[in-house]
């Protein structure tokens, strides 16, 4: 059963923003990086509802690495990296909460 918490909302937002960023990056002809980003963000979203052996923390770290590479390479015709930066911040927060390195009362 799914329980709605603040952490679930952050994971949902991180996954959706990373998925949208991956789709826009795929349209801008960064195929390999975008495909990996779409797969990782879809797995992060699926891990909210189904047990996945990898876990949310590892998927968030993978997305952080992919988003950092995407921001460094930044090819194609995308004018603004704002969506990638938002996804990077949200996924970094998910990774910190998932590994227990950040404790905020009421969130985790």
N, C-alpha and C. Protein backbone atom coordinates (compact mmCIF):
# COMPACT_ATOMS: atom_id res chain seq x y z
N UNK A 1 0.83 -1.18 0.00
CA UNK A 1 0.00 0.00 0.00
C UNK A 1 0.88 1.25 0.00
N UNK A 2 0.44 2.26 -0.69
CA UNK A 2 1.20 3.48 -0.83
C UNK A 2 0.79 4.48 0.23
N UNK A 3 1.76 5.03 0.93
CA UNK A 3 1.51 6.05 1.94
C UNK A 3 2.03 7.39 1.43
N UNK A 4 1.19 8.40 1.47
CA UNK A 4 1.58 9.72 0.98
C UNK A 4 2.33 10.46 2.08
N UNK A 5 3.59 10.77 1.83
CA UNK A 5 4.41 11.54 2.74
C UNK A 5 5.10 12.65 1.96
N UNK A 6 5.80 13.53 2.68
CA UNK A 6 6.55 14.59 2.01
C UNK A 6 7.68 14.00 1.17
N UNK A 7 8.30 12.93 1.68
CA UNK A 7 9.38 12.28 0.93
C UNK A 7 8.85 11.68 -0.38
N UNK A 8 7.66 11.10 -0.33
CA UNK A 8 7.06 10.56 -1.54
C UNK A 8 6.78 11.67 -2.55
N UNK A 9 6.37 12.82 -2.07
CA UNK A 9 6.13 13.96 -2.96
C UNK A 9 7.43 14.44 -3.61
N UNK A 10 8.52 14.45 -2.84
CA UNK A 10 9.82 14.85 -3.39
C UNK A 10 10.31 13.85 -4.41
N UNK A 11 10.14 12.55 -4.12
CA UNK A 11 10.55 11.50 -5.07
C UNK A 11 9.72 11.60 -6.34
N UNK A 12 8.42 11.82 -6.20
CA UNK A 12 7.56 11.95 -7.37
C UNK A 12 7.95 13.16 -8.22
N UNK A 13 8.21 14.29 -7.58
CA UNK A 13 8.62 15.49 -8.32
C UNK A 13 9.97 15.29 -8.99
N UNK A 14 10.92 14.65 -8.29
CA UNK A 14 12.25 14.41 -8.87
C UNK A 14 12.15 13.50 -10.08
N UNK A 15 11.35 12.45 -9.98
CA UNK A 15 11.20 11.52 -11.09
C UNK A 15 10.52 12.14 -12.29
N UNK A 16 9.47 12.91 -12.05
CA UNK A 16 8.73 13.53 -13.16
C UNK A 16 9.58 14.59 -13.86
N UNK A 17 10.27 15.42 -13.08
CA UNK A 17 11.10 16.47 -13.69
C UNK A 17 12.26 15.85 -14.47
N UNK A 18 12.88 14.80 -13.93
CA UNK A 18 13.96 14.13 -14.65
C UNK A 18 13.44 13.45 -15.91
N UNK A 19 12.23 12.88 -15.85
CA UNK A 19 11.65 12.24 -17.02
C UNK A 19 11.36 13.27 -18.11
N UNK A 20 10.80 14.40 -17.74
CA UNK A 20 10.52 15.45 -18.73
C UNK A 20 11.82 15.99 -19.31
N UNK A 21 12.84 16.16 -18.47
CA UNK A 21 14.14 16.63 -18.96
C UNK A 21 14.74 15.61 -19.94
N UNK A 22 14.60 14.33 -19.63
CA UNK A 22 15.12 13.30 -20.53
C UNK A 22 14.38 13.29 -21.86
N UNK A 23 13.07 13.48 -21.83
CA UNK A 23 12.29 13.51 -23.07
C UNK A 23 12.67 14.73 -23.92
N UNK A 24 12.82 15.88 -23.28
CA UNK A 24 13.24 17.07 -24.03
C UNK A 24 14.66 16.93 -24.57
N UNK A 25 15.52 16.28 -23.81
CA UNK A 25 16.89 16.05 -24.26
C UNK A 25 16.92 15.07 -25.43
N UNK A 26 16.00 14.09 -25.42
CA UNK A 26 15.91 13.13 -26.52
C UNK A 26 15.47 13.83 -27.80
N UNK A 27 14.60 14.79 -27.67
CA UNK A 27 14.16 15.55 -28.85
C UNK A 27 15.28 16.46 -29.37
N UNK A 28 16.24 16.80 -28.51
CA UNK A 28 17.34 17.68 -28.93
C UNK A 28 18.55 16.89 -29.41
N UNK A 29 18.38 15.62 -29.69
CA UNK A 29 19.39 14.75 -30.29
C UNK A 29 20.57 14.40 -29.37
N UNK A 30 20.31 14.22 -28.10
CA UNK A 30 21.32 13.67 -27.19
C UNK A 30 20.83 12.28 -26.79
N UNK A 31 20.87 11.35 -27.73
CA UNK A 31 20.10 10.12 -27.62
C UNK A 31 20.55 9.21 -26.47
N UNK A 32 21.81 8.91 -26.35
CA UNK A 32 22.25 7.94 -25.35
C UNK A 32 22.04 8.45 -23.93
N UNK A 33 22.47 9.66 -23.69
CA UNK A 33 22.30 10.25 -22.36
C UNK A 33 20.82 10.40 -22.01
N UNK A 34 20.02 10.80 -22.96
CA UNK A 34 18.59 10.97 -22.72
C UNK A 34 17.91 9.63 -22.45
N UNK A 35 18.29 8.60 -23.19
CA UNK A 35 17.69 7.28 -22.97
C UNK A 35 18.04 6.75 -21.59
N UNK A 36 19.27 6.92 -21.15
CA UNK A 36 19.65 6.49 -19.81
C UNK A 36 18.91 7.28 -18.74
N UNK A 37 18.73 8.57 -18.97
CA UNK A 37 18.00 9.41 -18.02
C UNK A 37 16.52 9.02 -17.95
N UNK A 38 15.92 8.70 -19.08
CA UNK A 38 14.52 8.27 -19.09
C UNK A 38 14.36 6.94 -18.37
N UNK A 39 15.27 6.00 -18.61
CA UNK A 39 15.19 4.70 -17.95
C UNK A 39 15.35 4.85 -16.44
N UNK A 40 16.34 5.63 -16.01
CA UNK A 40 16.57 5.79 -14.57
C UNK A 40 15.42 6.52 -13.89
N UNK A 41 14.86 7.53 -14.55
CA UNK A 41 13.75 8.26 -13.93
C UNK A 41 12.48 7.42 -13.91
N UNK A 42 12.26 6.60 -14.94
CA UNK A 42 11.09 5.71 -14.93
C UNK A 42 11.23 4.66 -13.83
N UNK A 43 12.44 4.15 -13.63
CA UNK A 43 12.66 3.20 -12.53
C UNK A 43 12.48 3.86 -11.17
N UNK A 44 12.91 5.12 -11.04
CA UNK A 44 12.71 5.85 -9.79
C UNK A 44 11.22 6.03 -9.50
N UNK A 45 10.45 6.36 -10.52
CA UNK A 45 9.01 6.50 -10.33
C UNK A 45 8.36 5.15 -10.02
N UNK A 46 8.82 4.09 -10.68
CA UNK A 46 8.26 2.76 -10.43
C UNK A 46 8.63 2.25 -9.04
N UNK A 47 9.77 2.68 -8.51
CA UNK A 47 10.19 2.22 -7.19
C UNK A 47 9.30 2.76 -6.07
N UNK A 48 8.50 3.76 -6.38
CA UNK A 48 7.56 4.26 -5.38
C UNK A 48 6.41 3.27 -5.14
N UNK A 49 6.06 2.50 -6.17
CA UNK A 49 4.89 1.64 -6.09
C UNK A 49 5.22 0.15 -6.08
N UNK A 50 6.37 -0.22 -6.66
CA UNK A 50 6.76 -1.62 -6.75
C UNK A 50 8.14 -1.81 -6.14
N UNK A 51 8.37 -2.96 -5.52
CA UNK A 51 9.72 -3.20 -4.98
C UNK A 51 10.72 -3.45 -6.11
N UNK A 52 11.73 -2.61 -6.17
CA UNK A 52 12.79 -2.73 -7.18
C UNK A 52 14.08 -3.03 -6.44
N UNK A 53 14.85 -4.03 -6.88
CA UNK A 53 16.04 -4.43 -6.12
C UNK A 53 17.10 -3.33 -5.97
N UNK A 54 17.13 -2.37 -6.85
CA UNK A 54 18.18 -1.35 -6.79
C UNK A 54 17.92 -0.36 -5.67
N UNK A 55 16.74 0.14 -5.53
CA UNK A 55 16.42 1.08 -4.46
C UNK A 55 16.43 2.52 -4.93
N UNK A 56 15.71 3.36 -4.19
CA UNK A 56 15.56 4.76 -4.57
C UNK A 56 16.86 5.55 -4.43
N UNK A 57 17.65 5.24 -3.43
CA UNK A 57 18.89 5.98 -3.22
C UNK A 57 19.87 5.81 -4.37
N UNK A 58 20.03 4.58 -4.81
CA UNK A 58 20.96 4.30 -5.91
C UNK A 58 20.45 4.92 -7.20
N UNK A 59 19.15 4.82 -7.45
CA UNK A 59 18.59 5.44 -8.66
C UNK A 59 18.73 6.95 -8.63
N UNK A 60 18.56 7.55 -7.46
CA UNK A 60 18.74 9.01 -7.36
C UNK A 60 20.19 9.40 -7.61
N UNK A 61 21.13 8.61 -7.12
CA UNK A 61 22.55 8.91 -7.37
C UNK A 61 22.87 8.76 -8.85
N UNK A 62 22.33 7.73 -9.49
CA UNK A 62 22.53 7.54 -10.93
C UNK A 62 21.98 8.73 -11.71
N UNK A 63 20.81 9.19 -11.31
CA UNK A 63 20.23 10.36 -11.98
C UNK A 63 21.04 11.62 -11.73
N UNK A 64 21.59 11.77 -10.53
CA UNK A 64 22.44 12.94 -10.26
C UNK A 64 23.66 12.92 -11.17
N UNK A 65 24.28 11.77 -11.31
CA UNK A 65 25.47 11.66 -12.18
C UNK A 65 25.09 11.95 -13.63
N UNK A 66 23.99 11.37 -14.10
CA UNK A 66 23.55 11.61 -15.48
C UNK A 66 23.21 13.08 -15.71
N UNK A 67 22.56 13.72 -14.75
CA UNK A 67 22.22 15.13 -14.91
C UNK A 67 23.46 16.02 -14.87
N UNK A 68 24.44 15.68 -14.05
CA UNK A 68 25.69 16.44 -14.06
C UNK A 68 26.41 16.33 -15.40
N UNK A 69 26.44 15.13 -15.95
CA UNK A 69 27.06 14.94 -17.28
C UNK A 69 26.27 15.71 -18.33
N UNK A 70 24.94 15.66 -18.24
CA UNK A 70 24.10 16.36 -19.21
C UNK A 70 24.29 17.87 -19.13
N UNK A 71 24.45 18.39 -17.93
CA UNK A 71 24.69 19.83 -17.81
C UNK A 71 26.07 20.22 -18.30
N UNK A 72 27.04 19.33 -18.14
CA UNK A 72 28.39 19.62 -18.61
C UNK A 72 28.48 19.55 -20.13
N UNK A 73 27.83 18.57 -20.72
CA UNK A 73 27.90 18.40 -22.18
C UNK A 73 26.98 19.40 -22.87
N UNK A 74 25.74 19.44 -22.46
CA UNK A 74 24.73 20.39 -22.93
C UNK A 74 24.74 20.64 -24.43
N UNK A 75 24.55 19.56 -25.20
CA UNK A 75 24.49 19.69 -26.64
C UNK A 75 23.07 19.93 -27.12
N UNK A 76 22.92 20.13 -28.40
CA UNK A 76 21.59 20.31 -28.98
C UNK A 76 21.12 21.74 -28.96
N UNK A 77 19.82 21.89 -29.06
CA UNK A 77 19.25 23.23 -29.18
C UNK A 77 18.47 23.65 -27.94
N UNK A 78 18.79 23.08 -26.79
CA UNK A 78 18.09 23.45 -25.55
C UNK A 78 18.66 24.77 -25.04
N UNK A 79 17.84 25.81 -24.95
CA UNK A 79 18.37 27.11 -24.55
C UNK A 79 18.61 27.25 -23.05
N UNK A 80 17.83 26.59 -22.20
CA UNK A 80 17.92 26.82 -20.78
C UNK A 80 18.13 25.51 -20.02
N UNK A 81 19.11 25.48 -19.12
CA UNK A 81 19.33 24.26 -18.34
C UNK A 81 18.52 24.23 -17.04
N UNK A 82 17.49 25.06 -16.92
CA UNK A 82 16.75 25.19 -15.66
C UNK A 82 16.09 23.88 -15.24
N UNK A 83 15.50 23.15 -16.17
CA UNK A 83 14.84 21.90 -15.83
C UNK A 83 15.84 20.87 -15.32
N UNK A 84 17.00 20.83 -15.92
CA UNK A 84 18.04 19.92 -15.46
C UNK A 84 18.56 20.26 -14.07
N UNK A 85 18.68 21.54 -13.78
CA UNK A 85 19.16 21.98 -12.47
C UNK A 85 18.12 21.65 -11.39
N UNK A 86 16.84 21.86 -11.69
CA UNK A 86 15.78 21.52 -10.74
C UNK A 86 15.78 20.02 -10.47
N UNK A 87 15.89 19.22 -11.53
CA UNK A 87 15.93 17.77 -11.36
C UNK A 87 17.16 17.34 -10.57
N UNK A 88 18.28 18.00 -10.80
CA UNK A 88 19.51 17.69 -10.07
C UNK A 88 19.36 17.96 -8.58
N UNK A 89 18.78 19.08 -8.23
CA UNK A 89 18.59 19.43 -6.81
C UNK A 89 17.62 18.46 -6.14
N UNK A 90 16.51 18.14 -6.80
CA UNK A 90 15.53 17.23 -6.22
C UNK A 90 16.10 15.82 -6.05
N UNK A 91 16.84 15.35 -7.04
CA UNK A 91 17.42 14.00 -6.94
C UNK A 91 18.53 13.95 -5.91
N UNK A 92 19.28 15.02 -5.75
CA UNK A 92 20.29 15.06 -4.69
C UNK A 92 19.61 15.00 -3.32
N UNK A 93 18.48 15.69 -3.17
CA UNK A 93 17.74 15.63 -1.91
C UNK A 93 17.20 14.23 -1.65
N UNK A 94 16.70 13.57 -2.69
CA UNK A 94 16.21 12.19 -2.54
C UNK A 94 17.34 11.26 -2.12
N UNK A 95 18.50 11.42 -2.72
CA UNK A 95 19.64 10.57 -2.37
C UNK A 95 20.06 10.81 -0.92
N UNK A 96 20.10 12.06 -0.50
CA UNK A 96 20.50 12.36 0.88
C UNK A 96 19.49 11.79 1.88
N UNK A 97 18.21 11.89 1.59
CA UNK A 97 17.20 11.32 2.48
C UNK A 97 17.23 9.80 2.47
N UNK A 98 17.44 9.21 1.30
CA UNK A 98 17.39 7.75 1.18
C UNK A 98 18.54 7.08 1.93
N UNK A 99 19.72 7.70 1.94
CA UNK A 99 20.85 7.11 2.63
C UNK A 99 20.95 7.55 4.08
N UNK A 100 20.04 8.41 4.51
CA UNK A 100 20.01 8.84 5.90
C UNK A 100 21.05 9.88 6.25
N UNK A 101 21.56 10.58 5.28
CA UNK A 101 22.59 11.60 5.52
C UNK A 101 21.98 12.95 5.84
N UNK A 102 20.68 13.08 5.64
CA UNK A 102 19.98 14.33 5.90
C UNK A 102 18.69 14.00 6.65
N UNK A 103 18.50 14.63 7.79
CA UNK A 103 17.30 14.40 8.60
C UNK A 103 16.60 15.73 8.81
N UNK A 104 15.36 15.79 8.33
CA UNK A 104 14.51 16.95 8.53
C UNK A 104 13.24 16.45 9.20
N UNK A 105 12.90 16.97 10.36
CA UNK A 105 11.69 16.47 11.04
C UNK A 105 10.45 16.66 10.18
N UNK A 106 9.69 15.59 10.05
CA UNK A 106 8.46 15.62 9.27
C UNK A 106 8.63 15.20 7.83
N UNK A 107 9.85 15.01 7.36
CA UNK A 107 10.04 14.61 5.96
C UNK A 107 10.32 13.13 5.84
N UNK A 108 11.26 12.63 6.59
CA UNK A 108 11.59 11.21 6.42
C UNK A 108 11.36 10.44 7.69
